[in-house]
Amino acid sequence: MDDLRPMHPLRVISVDLRGHGDSSWSQHGTYTLQVLREDIAKLMDKLDVENYYVLGEGLGSLVALDYASSKGFTSDLNGLITVEVPSSPKKLQIYDRLRYNASFSSFEQFVDFCLQLNPNTTERSVRKRLEMAIREDPASGTWQWKRDPRFNFDKDILQSEIEMLVEKIQGLASETKILVVRGENSDVSSPKATEKLLDTLNDGVEGYKASSVTLPSAGHILHGDNPRLLAQTVLKFMNLL
């Protein structure tokens, strides 16, 4: 979210989910939506932040929806932005296995792999993200994602969690304002699934309703494919642009 700062002096707190990036791994390999949501809740309580927005992308969008549904009317949560909500657990699982099972003998090979996987992005964007997202394993000498290999979730378990989440977020737009964002060329989210999500969020809601926007020239990795437009969209939603 570095692209937000030149446009507006925001405090941006970027969180690596448990088992991702520089966050610690689960002792027992437990990575359910409930556990991930509780991690975010504990962090926000610790930071004691008021009047904030939550943005989640991919799996993080499901965690963000779960978190927002647990806050209620008395929350300091000003709004929710979901980016690339997966249309199904299978879609997310296929993408994850294709991307996160990769390891290479050099940083440059990793760059080439990501450019082939996502032709919409730029080499500069890929290099910038990989500097934070991968590491060289001292034992094997290969470059790997900073991610617990046990995070390869069971799609059936995630499907069950999503079904419970759908019940929790019915009419959620009555409690907080919500923007649903997807990439035009995404192979993880879909227009049909986005429409269904909006119907759920707006169920029984009068007045302001959750809305969606589809960003052009972007696939699943919106912050890499079209970061400027994503930042503009987020700031406009927050009434800062």
C-alpha atoms as a PDB file:
ATOM      1  CA  MET A   1       0.000   0.000   0.000  1.00  0.00           C
ATOM      2  CA  ASP A   2       2.949   2.320  -0.519  1.00  0.00           C
ATOM      3  CA  ASP A   3       0.941   3.826  -3.386  1.00  0.00           C
ATOM      4  CA  LEU A   4      -1.499   5.312  -0.862  1.00  0.00           C
ATOM      5  CA  ARG A   5       1.043   7.444   0.974  1.00  0.00           C
ATOM      6  CA  PRO A   6       2.014   9.891  -1.809  1.00  0.00           C
ATOM      7  CA  MET A   7      -1.690  10.722  -2.248  1.00  0.00           C
ATOM      8  CA  HIS A   8      -2.626  11.171   1.399  1.00  0.00           C
ATOM      9  CA  PRO A   9      -0.782  11.101   4.758  1.00  0.00           C
ATOM     10  CA  LEU A  10      -2.278   7.837   6.016  1.00  0.00           C
ATOM     11  CA  ARG A  11      -1.093   5.517   8.726  1.00  0.00           C
ATOM     12  CA  VAL A  12      -1.037   2.145   6.962  1.00  0.00           C
ATOM     13  CA  ILE A  13      -0.597  -1.013   9.040  1.00  0.00           C
ATOM     14  CA  SER A  14       0.304  -3.917   6.775  1.00  0.00           C
ATOM     15  CA  VAL A  15      -0.169  -7.308   8.436  1.00  0.00           C
ATOM     16  CA  ASP A  16       1.415 -10.624   7.456  1.00  0.00           C
ATOM     17  CA  LEU A  17      -1.146 -13.286   8.320  1.00  0.00           C
ATOM     18  CA  ARG A  18       0.001 -16.097  10.586  1.00  0.00           C
ATOM     19  CA  GLY A  19       2.236 -18.432   8.571  1.00  0.00           C
ATOM     20  CA  HIS A  20       2.966 -15.733   5.973  1.00  0.00           C
ATOM     21  CA  GLY A  21       5.848 -13.325   5.520  1.00  0.00           C
ATOM     22  CA  ASP A  22       7.649 -12.411   8.724  1.00  0.00           C
ATOM     23  CA  SER A  23       4.823 -13.452  11.056  1.00  0.00           C
ATOM     24  CA  SER A  24       5.354 -16.587  13.131  1.00  0.00           C
ATOM     25  CA  TRP A  25       4.058 -20.001  12.102  1.00  0.00           C
ATOM     26  CA  SER A  26       1.345 -21.903  13.926  1.00  0.00           C
ATOM     27  CA  GLN A  27       2.772 -24.466  16.315  1.00  0.00           C
ATOM     28  CA  HIS A  28       0.241 -27.054  15.193  1.00  0.00           C
ATOM     29  CA  GLY A  29      -0.228 -25.881  11.612  1.00  0.00           C
ATOM     30  CA  THR A  30      -3.675 -24.455  12.368  1.00  0.00           C
ATOM     31  CA  TYR A  31      -4.738 -21.835   9.832  1.00  0.00           C
ATOM     32  CA  THR A  32      -8.528 -21.590   9.973  1.00  0.00           C
ATOM     33  CA  LEU A  33     -10.425 -18.386   9.254  1.00  0.00           C
ATOM     34  CA  GLN A  34     -11.336 -18.223  12.936  1.00  0.00           C
ATOM     35  CA  VAL A  35      -7.696 -18.367  14.046  1.00  0.00           C
ATOM     36  CA  LEU A  36      -6.615 -15.771  11.484  1.00  0.00           C
ATOM     37  CA  ARG A  37      -9.514 -13.494  12.416  1.00  0.00           C
ATOM     38  CA  GLU A  38      -8.649 -13.771  16.117  1.00  0.00           C
ATOM     39  CA  ASP A  39      -5.053 -12.788  15.308  1.00  0.00           C
ATOM     40  CA  ILE A  40      -6.284  -9.585  13.643  1.00  0.00           C
ATOM     41  CA  ALA A  41      -8.674  -8.846  16.510  1.00  0.00           C
ATOM     42  CA  LYS A  42      -5.897  -9.221  19.091  1.00  0.00           C
ATOM     43  CA  LEU A  43      -3.591  -6.984  17.059  1.00  0.00           C
ATOM     44  CA  MET A  44      -6.190  -4.227  16.735  1.00  0.00           C
ATOM     45  CA  ASP A  45      -6.962  -4.411  20.462  1.00  0.00           C
ATOM     46  CA  LYS A  46      -3.234  -4.159  21.200  1.00  0.00           C
ATOM     47  CA  LEU A  47      -2.789  -1.160  18.905  1.00  0.00           C
ATOM     48  CA  ASP A  48      -5.943   0.482  20.291  1.00  0.00           C
ATOM     49  CA  VAL A  49      -6.670   2.146  16.938  1.00  0.00           C
ATOM     50  CA  GLU A  50      -9.811   4.233  16.476  1.00  0.00           C
ATOM     51  CA  ASN A  51     -11.737   5.079  13.307  1.00  0.00           C
ATOM     52  CA  TYR A  52      -9.971   2.745  10.918  1.00  0.00           C
ATOM     53  CA  TYR A  53     -10.612   0.853   7.701  1.00  0.00           C
ATOM     54  CA  VAL A  54      -9.766  -2.784   7.034  1.00  0.00           C
ATOM     55  CA  LEU A  55      -8.583  -4.016   3.637  1.00  0.00           C
ATOM     56  CA  GLY A  56      -8.107  -7.710   2.876  1.00  0.00           C
ATOM     57  CA  GLU A  57      -6.955  -9.342  -0.353  1.00  0.00           C
ATOM     58  CA  GLY A  58      -7.483 -12.944  -1.491  1.00  0.00           C
ATOM     59  CA  LEU A  59      -7.656 -15.171   1.574  1.00  0.00           C
ATOM     60  CA  GLY A  60      -7.218 -11.968   3.560  1.00  0.00           C
ATOM     61  CA  SER A  61     -10.542 -10.707   2.178  1.00  0.00           C
ATOM     62  CA  LEU A  62     -12.322 -13.660   3.816  1.00  0.00           C
ATOM     63  CA  VAL A  63     -10.491 -12.945   7.082  1.00  0.00           C
ATOM     64  CA  ALA A  64     -11.493  -9.270   6.801  1.00  0.00           C
ATOM     65  CA  LEU A  65     -15.162 -10.167   6.249  1.00  0.00           C
ATOM     66  CA  ASP A  66     -15.084 -12.484   9.264  1.00  0.00           C
ATOM     67  CA  TYR A  67     -13.403  -9.795  11.366  1.00  0.00           C
ATOM     68  CA  ALA A  68     -15.884  -7.089  10.325  1.00  0.00           C
ATOM     69  CA  SER A  69     -18.857  -9.366  11.057  1.00  0.00           C
ATOM     70  CA  SER A  70     -17.589  -9.835  14.615  1.00  0.00           C
ATOM     71  CA  LYS A  71     -17.333  -6.106  15.381  1.00  0.00           C
ATOM     72  CA  GLY A  72     -20.993  -4.992  15.444  1.00  0.00           C
ATOM     73  CA  PHE A  73     -22.516  -1.518  15.576  1.00  0.00           C
ATOM     74  CA  THR A  74     -20.316  -0.217  18.403  1.00  0.00           C
ATOM     75  CA  SER A  75     -17.092  -0.681  16.459  1.00  0.00           C
ATOM     76  CA  ASP A  76     -14.550   1.960  15.515  1.00  0.00           C
ATOM     77  CA  LEU A  77     -14.401   0.235  12.139  1.00  0.00           C
ATOM     78  CA  ASN A  78     -15.216   2.916   9.557  1.00  0.00           C
ATOM     79  CA  GLY A  79     -15.333   0.652   6.539  1.00  0.00           C
ATOM     80  CA  LEU A  80     -14.256  -2.553   4.845  1.00  0.00           C
ATOM     81  CA  ILE A  81     -12.551  -3.086   1.487  1.00  0.00           C
ATOM     82  CA  THR A  82     -12.385  -6.631   0.142  1.00  0.00           C
ATOM     83  CA  VAL A  83     -10.049  -7.222  -2.796  1.00  0.00           C
ATOM     84  CA  GLU A  84     -10.335 -10.353  -4.919  1.00  0.00           C
ATOM     85  CA  VAL A  85     -12.693 -12.437  -2.781  1.00  0.00           C
ATOM     86  CA  PRO A  86     -12.204 -16.013  -4.090  1.00  0.00           C
ATOM     87  CA  SER A  87     -15.198 -17.321  -6.022  1.00  0.00           C
ATOM     88  CA  SER A  88     -14.560 -20.777  -4.540  1.00  0.00           C
ATOM     89  CA  PRO A  89     -12.035 -22.555  -2.282  1.00  0.00           C
ATOM     90  CA  LYS A  90     -10.959 -24.679  -5.245  1.00  0.00           C
ATOM     91  CA  LYS A  91     -10.025 -21.594  -7.280  1.00  0.00           C
ATOM     92  CA  LEU A  92      -7.919 -20.264  -4.422  1.00  0.00           C
ATOM     93  CA  GLN A  93      -6.329 -23.652  -3.789  1.00  0.00           C
ATOM     94  CA  ILE A  94      -5.309 -24.065  -7.445  1.00  0.00           C
ATOM     95  CA  TYR A  95      -3.781 -20.593  -7.479  1.00  0.00           C
ATOM     96  CA  ASP A  96      -1.989 -21.139  -4.179  1.00  0.00           C
ATOM     97  CA  ARG A  97      -0.509 -24.481  -5.217  1.00  0.00           C
ATOM     98  CA  LEU A  98       0.677 -23.063  -8.529  1.00  0.00           C
ATOM     99  CA  ARG A  99       2.314 -20.082  -6.870  1.00  0.00           C
ATOM    100  CA  TYR A 100       3.444 -21.102  -3.393  1.00  0.00           C
ATOM    101  CA  ASN A 101       4.890 -24.531  -4.169  1.00  0.00           C
ATOM    102  CA  ALA A 102       7.590 -22.848  -6.228  1.00  0.00           C
ATOM    103  CA  SER A 103      11.257 -22.655  -5.223  1.00  0.00           C
ATOM    104  CA  PHE A 104      14.249 -21.644  -7.327  1.00  0.00           C
ATOM    105  CA  SER A 105      18.005 -21.610  -7.153  1.00  0.00           C
ATOM    106  CA  SER A 106      18.230 -17.852  -7.658  1.00  0.00           C
ATOM    107  CA  PHE A 107      16.311 -14.642  -7.036  1.00  0.00           C
ATOM    108  CA  GLU A 108      16.325 -13.902 -10.768  1.00  0.00           C
ATOM    109  CA  GLN A 109      14.618 -17.212 -11.552  1.00  0.00           C
ATOM    110  CA  PHE A 110      11.918 -16.312  -9.056  1.00  0.00           C
ATOM    111  CA  VAL A 111      11.410 -12.976 -10.805  1.00  0.00           C
ATOM    112  CA  ASP A 112      11.025 -14.717 -14.166  1.00  0.00           C
ATOM    113  CA  PHE A 113       8.546 -17.203 -12.688  1.00  0.00           C
ATOM    114  CA  CYS A 114       6.347 -14.458 -11.261  1.00  0.00           C
ATOM    115  CA  LEU A 115       6.389 -12.512 -14.519  1.00  0.00           C
ATOM    116  CA  GLN A 116       5.272 -15.616 -16.408  1.00  0.00           C
ATOM    117  CA  LEU A 117       2.586 -16.339 -13.822  1.00  0.00           C
ATOM    118  CA  ASN A 118       1.290 -12.783 -13.913  1.00  0.00           C
ATOM    119  CA  PRO A 119       1.984 -11.053 -17.271  1.00  0.00           C
ATOM    120  CA  ASN A 120      -0.130  -8.016 -16.260  1.00  0.00           C
ATOM    121  CA  THR A 121       2.453  -6.784 -13.781  1.00  0.00           C
ATOM    122  CA  THR A 122       5.846  -5.125 -14.213  1.00  0.00           C
ATOM    123  CA  GLU A 123       9.320  -6.382 -13.365  1.00  0.00           C
ATOM    124  CA  ARG A 124       9.805  -3.452 -10.977  1.00  0.00           C
ATOM    125  CA  SER A 125       6.650  -4.376  -9.079  1.00  0.00           C
ATOM    126  CA  VAL A 126       7.637  -8.051  -8.894  1.00  0.00           C
ATOM    127  CA  ARG A 127      11.131  -7.296  -7.591  1.00  0.00           C
ATOM    128  CA  LYS A 128       9.745  -4.951  -4.953  1.00  0.00           C
ATOM    129  CA  ARG A 129       7.281  -7.559  -3.669  1.00  0.00           C
ATOM    130  CA  LEU A 130       9.725 -10.462  -3.771  1.00  0.00           C
ATOM    131  CA  GLU A 131      12.262  -8.569  -1.655  1.00  0.00           C
ATOM    132  CA  MET A 132       9.758  -8.872   1.200  1.00  0.00           C
ATOM    133  CA  ALA A 133       8.027 -12.133   0.291  1.00  0.00           C
ATOM    134  CA  ILE A 134      10.812 -14.689  -0.297  1.00  0.00           C
ATOM    135  CA  ARG A 135      13.978 -15.814   1.457  1.00  0.00           C
ATOM    136  CA  GLU A 136      17.026 -17.951   0.717  1.00  0.00           C
ATOM    137  CA  ASP A 137      16.886 -21.215   2.646  1.00  0.00           C
ATOM    138  CA  PRO A 138      20.315 -21.710   4.256  1.00  0.00           C
ATOM    139  CA  ALA A 139      20.023 -25.510   4.220  1.00  0.00           C
ATOM    140  CA  SER A 140      19.122 -26.047   0.568  1.00  0.00           C
ATOM    141  CA  GLY A 141      20.354 -22.773  -0.921  1.00  0.00           C
ATOM    142  CA  THR A 142      17.043 -22.329  -2.750  1.00  0.00           C
ATOM    143  CA  TRP A 143      14.805 -19.290  -2.732  1.00  0.00           C
ATOM    144  CA  GLN A 144      11.379 -19.967  -1.207  1.00  0.00           C
ATOM    145  CA  TRP A 145       8.249 -18.096  -0.205  1.00  0.00           C
ATOM    146  CA  LYS A 146       8.110 -16.888   3.394  1.00  0.00           C
ATOM    147  CA  ARG A 147       5.177 -19.175   4.076  1.00  0.00           C
ATOM    148  CA  ASP A 148       4.525 -22.197   6.239  1.00  0.00           C
ATOM    149  CA  PRO A 149       4.315 -25.173   3.811  1.00  0.00           C
ATOM    150  CA  ARG A 150       1.536 -26.574   6.014  1.00  0.00           C
ATOM    151  CA  PHE A 151      -0.640 -23.643   4.888  1.00  0.00           C
ATOM    152  CA  ASN A 152      -1.906 -25.710   1.935  1.00  0.00           C
ATOM    153  CA  PHE A 153      -5.441 -25.626   3.293  1.00  0.00           C
ATOM    154  CA  ASP A 154      -8.100 -28.271   2.815  1.00  0.00           C
ATOM    155  CA  LYS A 155     -10.674 -26.878   0.380  1.00  0.00           C
ATOM    156  CA  ASP A 156     -13.491 -28.848   2.049  1.00  0.00           C
ATOM    157  CA  ILE A 157     -12.722 -27.317   5.449  1.00  0.00           C
ATOM    158  CA  LEU A 158     -12.497 -23.841   3.917  1.00  0.00           C
ATOM    159  CA  GLN A 159     -15.797 -24.424   2.097  1.00  0.00           C
ATOM    160  CA  SER A 160     -17.440 -25.259   5.411  1.00  0.00           C
ATOM    161  CA  GLU A 161     -15.970 -22.114   6.970  1.00  0.00           C
ATOM    162  CA  ILE A 162     -17.189 -19.995   4.059  1.00  0.00           C
ATOM    163  CA  GLU A 163     -20.702 -21.371   4.406  1.00  0.00           C
ATOM    164  CA  MET A 164     -20.713 -20.308   8.059  1.00  0.00           C
ATOM    165  CA  LEU A 165     -19.208 -16.946   7.088  1.00  0.00           C
ATOM    166  CA  VAL A 166     -22.026 -16.318   4.578  1.00  0.00           C
ATOM    167  CA  GLU A 167     -24.529 -16.590   7.413  1.00  0.00           C
ATOM    168  CA  LYS A 168     -22.514 -14.167   9.543  1.00  0.00           C
ATOM    169  CA  ILE A 169     -22.211 -11.466   6.868  1.00  0.00           C
ATOM    170  CA  GLN A 170     -25.853 -11.370   5.790  1.00  0.00           C
ATOM    171  CA  GLY A 171     -26.870  -7.709   5.907  1.00  0.00           C
ATOM    172  CA  LEU A 172     -23.380  -6.639   7.066  1.00  0.00           C
ATOM    173  CA  ALA A 173     -23.680  -3.448   4.983  1.00  0.00           C
ATOM    174  CA  SER A 174     -26.153  -2.159   7.583  1.00  0.00           C
ATOM    175  CA  GLU A 175     -23.295  -2.062  10.123  1.00  0.00           C
ATOM    176  CA  THR A 176     -20.380  -0.677   8.091  1.00  0.00           C
ATOM    177  CA  LYS A 177     -19.765   0.589   4.595  1.00  0.00           C
ATOM    178  CA  ILE A 178     -18.211  -1.964   2.264  1.00  0.00           C
ATOM    179  CA  LEU A 179     -16.456  -1.911  -1.096  1.00  0.00           C
ATOM    180  CA  VAL A 180     -15.852  -5.113  -3.064  1.00  0.00           C
ATOM    181  CA  VAL A 181     -12.989  -4.879  -5.583  1.00  0.00           C
ATOM    182  CA  ARG A 182     -11.939  -7.406  -8.226  1.00  0.00           C
ATOM    183  CA  GLY A 183      -9.575  -7.487 -11.194  1.00  0.00           C
ATOM    184  CA  GLU A 184     -11.087  -7.628 -14.663  1.00  0.00           C
ATOM    185  CA  ASN A 185      -8.803 -10.491 -15.743  1.00  0.00           C
ATOM    186  CA  SER A 186      -8.857 -12.422 -12.473  1.00  0.00           C
ATOM    187  CA  ASP A 187      -8.976 -16.215 -12.528  1.00  0.00           C
ATOM    188  CA  VAL A 188      -9.741 -16.404  -8.787  1.00  0.00           C
ATOM    189  CA  SER A 189     -12.744 -14.085  -8.388  1.00  0.00           C
ATOM    190  CA  SER A 190     -15.673 -13.844 -10.807  1.00  0.00           C
ATOM    191  CA  PRO A 191     -18.453 -11.350 -11.669  1.00  0.00           C
ATOM    192  CA  LYS A 192     -21.120 -13.899 -10.700  1.00  0.00           C
ATOM    193  CA  ALA A 193     -19.562 -14.585  -7.293  1.00  0.00           C
ATOM    194  CA  THR A 194     -19.128 -10.840  -6.690  1.00  0.00           C
ATOM    195  CA  GLU A 195     -22.805 -10.222  -7.430  1.00  0.00           C
ATOM    196  CA  LYS A 196     -23.772 -13.032  -5.060  1.00  0.00           C
ATOM    197  CA  LEU A 197     -21.556 -11.564  -2.330  1.00  0.00           C
ATOM    198  CA  LEU A 198     -23.182  -8.138  -2.735  1.00  0.00           C
ATOM    199  CA  ASP A 199     -26.642  -9.702  -2.460  1.00  0.00           C
ATOM    200  CA  THR A 200     -25.591 -11.295   0.834  1.00  0.00           C
ATOM    201  CA  LEU A 201     -23.992  -8.139   2.254  1.00  0.00           C
ATOM    202  CA  ASN A 202     -27.029  -6.030   1.277  1.00  0.00           C
ATOM    203  CA  ASP A 203     -29.670  -8.519   2.383  1.00  0.00           C
ATOM    204  CA  GLY A 204     -32.444  -6.557   4.093  1.00  0.00           C
ATOM    205  CA  VAL A 205     -30.405  -3.344   4.035  1.00  0.00           C
ATOM    206  CA  GLU A 206     -32.117  -0.019   3.305  1.00  0.00           C
ATOM    207  CA  GLY A 207     -30.321   3.156   2.298  1.00  0.00           C
ATOM    208  CA  TYR A 208     -26.550   2.850   1.838  1.00  0.00           C
ATOM    209  CA  LYS A 209     -25.517  -0.479   0.372  1.00  0.00           C
ATOM    210  CA  ALA A 210     -22.246  -2.262  -0.317  1.00  0.00           C
ATOM    211  CA  SER A 211     -20.927  -1.661  -3.818  1.00  0.00           C
ATOM    212  CA  SER A 212     -18.369  -3.185  -6.141  1.00  0.00           C
ATOM    213  CA  VAL A 213     -15.845  -2.022  -8.695  1.00  0.00           C
ATOM    214  CA  THR A 214     -13.911  -3.964 -11.325  1.00  0.00           C
ATOM    215  CA  LEU A 215     -10.452  -2.620 -12.126  1.00  0.00           C
ATOM    216  CA  PRO A 216      -9.195  -2.909 -15.706  1.00  0.00           C
ATOM    217  CA  SER A 217      -5.751  -4.205 -16.706  1.00  0.00           C
ATOM    218  CA  ALA A 218      -5.535  -6.342 -13.584  1.00  0.00           C
ATOM    219  CA  GLY A 219      -5.769  -9.979 -12.564  1.00  0.00           C
ATOM    220  CA  HIS A 220      -5.790 -11.495  -9.080  1.00  0.00           C
ATOM    221  CA  ILE A 221      -2.749  -9.533  -7.820  1.00  0.00           C
ATOM    222  CA  LEU A 222      -4.286  -6.078  -8.039  1.00  0.00           C
ATOM    223  CA  HIS A 223      -1.622  -4.370  -5.954  1.00  0.00           C
ATOM    224  CA  GLY A 224       0.955  -5.552  -8.491  1.00  0.00           C
ATOM    225  CA  ASP A 225      -1.027  -5.198 -11.726  1.00  0.00           C
ATOM    226  CA  ASN A 226      -2.639  -1.799 -11.245  1.00  0.00           C
ATOM    227  CA  PRO A 227      -1.468  -0.386  -7.893  1.00  0.00           C
ATOM    228  CA  ARG A 228      -2.143   3.252  -8.718  1.00  0.00           C
ATOM    229  CA  LEU A 229      -5.764   2.680  -9.669  1.00  0.00           C
ATOM    230  CA  LEU A 230      -6.295   0.403  -6.667  1.00  0.00           C
ATOM    231  CA  ALA A 231      -4.931   3.119  -4.360  1.00  0.00           C
ATOM    232  CA  GLN A 232      -7.154   5.748  -5.981  1.00  0.00           C
ATOM    233  CA  THR A 233     -10.186   3.491  -5.616  1.00  0.00           C
ATOM    234  CA  VAL A 234      -9.489   2.871  -1.927  1.00  0.00           C
ATOM    235  CA  LEU A 235      -8.930   6.578  -1.161  1.00  0.00           C
ATOM    236  CA  LYS A 236     -12.098   7.564  -3.010  1.00  0.00           C
ATOM    237  CA  PHE A 237     -14.059   5.042  -0.957  1.00  0.00           C
ATOM    238  CA  MET A 238     -12.561   6.545   2.213  1.00  0.00           C
ATOM    239  CA  ASN A 239     -13.591  10.051   1.007  1.00  0.00           C
ATOM    240  CA  LEU A 240      -9.947  11.125   0.896  1.00  0.00           C
ATOM    241  CA  LEU A 241      -9.713  11.767  -2.838  1.00  0.00           C
END
